Protein backbone atom coordinates (compact mmCIF):
# COMPACT_ATOMS: atom_id res chain seq x y z
CA UNK A 1 -21.89 3.77 -39.43
CA UNK A 2 -19.14 1.37 -40.39
CA UNK A 3 -19.51 -2.25 -39.43
CA UNK A 4 -15.93 -3.08 -40.31
CA UNK A 5 -12.98 -1.22 -41.71
CA UNK A 6 -13.42 -2.49 -45.24
CA UNK A 7 -16.02 -0.68 -47.32
CA UNK A 8 -16.86 -0.82 -50.96
CA UNK A 9 -18.60 1.88 -52.97
CA UNK A 10 -22.21 1.57 -53.99
CA UNK A 11 -22.74 0.61 -57.65
CA UNK A 12 -24.16 4.08 -58.40
CA UNK A 13 -20.89 5.64 -57.21
CA UNK A 14 -18.68 3.64 -59.57
CA UNK A 15 -17.82 5.42 -62.84
CA UNK A 16 -16.48 3.89 -65.92
CA UNK A 17 -12.73 4.15 -66.23
CA UNK A 18 -11.46 7.39 -67.70
CA UNK A 19 -8.59 7.55 -70.12
CA UNK A 20 -5.11 8.20 -68.74
CA UNK A 21 -4.47 11.81 -67.92
CA UNK A 22 -8.08 12.54 -67.02
CA UNK A 23 -8.41 15.15 -64.35
CA UNK A 24 -11.74 13.94 -63.00
CA UNK A 25 -11.43 12.08 -59.71
CA UNK A 26 -13.03 8.71 -59.31
CA UNK A 27 -15.93 8.21 -56.91
CA UNK A 28 -13.60 6.49 -54.44
CA UNK A 29 -11.30 9.52 -54.49
CA UNK A 30 -14.13 11.81 -53.36
CA UNK A 31 -14.93 9.63 -50.37
CA UNK A 32 -11.36 9.41 -49.15
CA UNK A 33 -11.24 12.85 -47.54
CA UNK A 34 -14.57 12.22 -45.81
CA UNK A 35 -13.37 8.88 -44.48
CA UNK A 36 -10.13 10.49 -43.34
CA UNK A 37 -11.91 13.21 -41.40
CA UNK A 38 -14.30 10.62 -40.03
CA UNK A 39 -11.31 8.47 -39.05
CA UNK A 40 -9.65 11.49 -37.49
CA UNK A 41 -12.79 12.26 -35.47
CA UNK A 42 -13.02 8.62 -34.38
CA UNK A 43 -9.33 8.65 -33.53
CA UNK A 44 -9.76 11.86 -31.52
CA UNK A 45 -12.75 10.33 -29.73
CA UNK A 46 -10.76 7.17 -29.00
CA UNK A 47 -7.83 9.27 -27.74
CA UNK A 48 -10.18 11.25 -25.51
CA UNK A 49 -11.63 8.01 -24.15
CA UNK A 50 -8.12 6.66 -23.59
CA UNK A 51 -7.15 9.90 -21.81
CA UNK A 52 -10.29 9.67 -19.67
CA UNK A 53 -9.55 6.02 -18.88
CA UNK A 54 -5.97 6.94 -18.01
CA UNK A 55 -7.24 9.77 -15.84
CA UNK A 56 -9.76 7.49 -14.13
CA UNK A 57 -7.06 4.86 -13.70
CA UNK A 58 -4.60 7.44 -12.33
CA UNK A 59 -7.25 8.73 -9.93
CA UNK A 60 -7.94 5.19 -8.75
CA UNK A 61 -4.23 4.56 -8.17
CA UNK A 62 -3.89 7.91 -6.41
CA UNK A 63 -6.88 7.13 -4.18
CA UNK A 64 -5.35 3.74 -3.31
CA UNK A 65 -2.06 5.44 -2.44
CA UNK A 66 -3.86 7.91 -0.16
CA UNK A 67 -5.68 5.07 1.61
CA UNK A 68 -2.44 3.08 1.98
CA UNK A 69 -0.66 6.17 3.33
CA UNK A 70 -3.29 6.61 6.05
CA UNK A 71 -3.20 2.90 6.93
CA UNK A 72 0.61 2.80 7.15
CA UNK A 73 0.81 5.95 9.28
CA UNK A 74 -1.93 4.74 11.65
CA UNK A 75 -0.25 1.32 11.89
CA UNK A 76 3.13 2.76 12.84
CA UNK A 77 1.65 5.34 15.22
CA UNK A 78 -0.12 2.51 17.07
CA UNK A 79 3.29 0.92 17.69
CA UNK A 80 4.79 4.22 18.87
CA UNK A 81 1.92 5.15 21.16
CA UNK A 82 1.84 1.78 22.94
CA UNK A 83 5.61 1.15 22.90
CA UNK A 84 6.33 4.29 24.89
CA UNK A 85 9.82 4.55 26.29
CA UNK A 86 10.92 1.27 24.69
CA UNK A 87 10.59 2.68 21.18
CA UNK A 88 14.16 3.15 19.93
CA UNK A 89 13.32 4.97 16.71
CA UNK A 90 10.23 6.78 15.60
CA UNK A 91 8.25 5.72 12.58
CA UNK A 92 10.34 5.50 9.43
CA UNK A 93 8.52 5.26 6.12
CA UNK A 94 9.14 4.07 2.58
CA UNK A 95 7.44 6.33 0.05
CA UNK A 96 5.98 6.09 -3.42
CA UNK A 97 5.46 9.14 -5.59
CA UNK A 98 1.89 9.61 -6.78
CA UNK A 99 0.77 10.97 -10.14
CA UNK A 100 0.14 14.28 -8.37
CA UNK A 101 3.82 14.52 -7.42
CA UNK A 102 3.20 13.94 -3.71
CA UNK A 103 4.95 11.23 -1.68
CA UNK A 104 2.78 8.60 -0.03
CA UNK A 105 3.88 6.18 2.71
CA UNK A 106 3.55 2.60 1.49
CA UNK A 107 5.54 0.84 4.23
CA UNK A 108 6.97 1.69 7.61
CA UNK A 109 8.79 0.47 10.66
CA UNK A 110 9.32 1.40 14.28
CA UNK A 111 12.34 0.27 16.28
CA UNK A 112 11.65 -1.18 19.74
CA UNK A 113 14.00 -2.51 22.42
CA UNK A 114 13.35 -6.21 23.06
CA UNK A 115 16.30 -6.84 25.38
CA UNK A 116 16.19 -8.03 29.00
CA UNK A 117 16.75 -5.62 31.85
CA UNK A 118 19.77 -7.21 33.55
CA UNK A 119 19.24 -8.28 37.16
CA UNK A 120 15.57 -7.22 37.28
CA UNK A 121 13.15 -9.92 36.11
CA UNK A 122 10.11 -7.92 37.24
CA UNK A 123 11.12 -4.92 35.10
CA UNK A 124 11.94 -7.28 32.23
CA UNK A 125 8.50 -8.86 32.55
CA UNK A 126 6.75 -5.49 32.47
CA UNK A 127 8.88 -4.33 29.55
CA UNK A 128 8.20 -7.51 27.56
CA UNK A 129 4.46 -7.12 28.15
CA UNK A 130 4.58 -3.58 26.80
CA UNK A 131 6.64 -4.70 23.80
CA UNK A 132 4.12 -7.48 23.06
CA UNK A 133 1.20 -5.04 23.28
CA UNK A 134 3.04 -2.53 21.08
CA UNK A 135 3.76 -5.20 18.47
CA UNK A 136 0.09 -6.20 18.31
CA UNK A 137 -1.33 -2.67 18.69
CA UNK A 138 -2.24 -2.05 15.02
CA UNK A 139 -5.63 -3.22 13.78
CA UNK A 140 -3.92 -5.50 11.25
CA UNK A 141 -0.53 -6.67 12.58
CA UNK A 142 2.05 -7.68 9.98
CA UNK A 143 4.06 -10.89 10.06
CA UNK A 144 7.00 -8.89 11.46
CA UNK A 145 4.71 -7.54 14.19
CA UNK A 146 3.73 -11.11 15.06
CA UNK A 147 7.41 -12.13 15.15
CA UNK A 148 8.22 -9.32 17.60
CA UNK A 149 5.21 -10.31 19.72
CA UNK A 150 6.46 -13.92 19.73
CA UNK A 151 9.94 -12.76 20.83
CA UNK A 152 8.30 -10.73 23.58
CA UNK A 153 6.27 -13.79 24.65
CA UNK A 154 9.51 -15.78 25.02
CA UNK A 155 10.99 -12.92 27.05
CA UNK A 156 7.86 -12.88 29.23
CA UNK A 157 8.21 -16.60 29.94
CA UNK A 158 11.91 -16.23 30.75
CA UNK A 159 11.20 -13.27 33.03
CA UNK A 160 8.44 -15.20 34.83
CA UNK A 161 10.80 -18.14 35.33
CA UNK A 162 13.55 -15.82 36.63
CA UNK A 163 11.06 -14.04 38.88
CA UNK A 164 9.75 -17.32 40.29
CA UNK A 165 13.32 -18.43 41.00
CA UNK A 166 14.03 -15.10 42.69
CA UNK A 167 10.86 -15.34 44.79
CA UNK A 168 11.79 -18.81 45.98
CA UNK A 169 15.13 -17.45 47.19
CA UNK A 170 13.89 -14.26 48.88
CA UNK A 171 12.28 -13.91 52.29
CA UNK A 172 8.48 -13.55 52.47
CA UNK A 173 8.66 -9.80 53.13
CA UNK A 174 9.71 -9.23 49.47
CA UNK A 175 7.15 -11.65 47.99
CA UNK A 176 4.35 -9.05 48.04
CA UNK A 177 6.47 -6.72 46.02
CA UNK A 178 6.65 -9.14 43.08
CA UNK A 179 3.25 -10.81 43.17
CA UNK A 180 1.53 -8.18 40.97
CA UNK A 181 3.92 -8.98 38.12
CA UNK A 182 2.13 -12.28 37.50
CA UNK A 183 -1.14 -10.55 36.64
């Protein structure tokens, strides 16, 4: 076992200097091949450990990509399933290639219509409520999801105001038709 990389021969291994041209190797010369093969074995072992660490690291990264892929897909599908007919584009994903060569979704988006329905505050109110629910449908809404929900909340308030104004102008026979929109 080597404690450090510097080693010196034992006194019994040191020979007296030979005259020039001597063909006998010195004690240090005999140990060199052994140290080299030992170094090679240690180097191979270190390389194997490094390969294993790289493999473990790659597997960890790959596992994280798989988890992220499932989360992203579930997140976007929650928007689509709740948004219904107001979804303007299905889930679109950004991908990252894993060490296994597969593509994994790491981000996504779903388009949704947040506009008013002209001349129909009740329909606008219902639509805005659906948009707000769709925006907040995922288990962990993003900041963009919260922004869309906030826009929908503003639309809900505007629609309620417009509906209240409409109800104050219409005869009582139509009032029952709109009352459920306030729930």
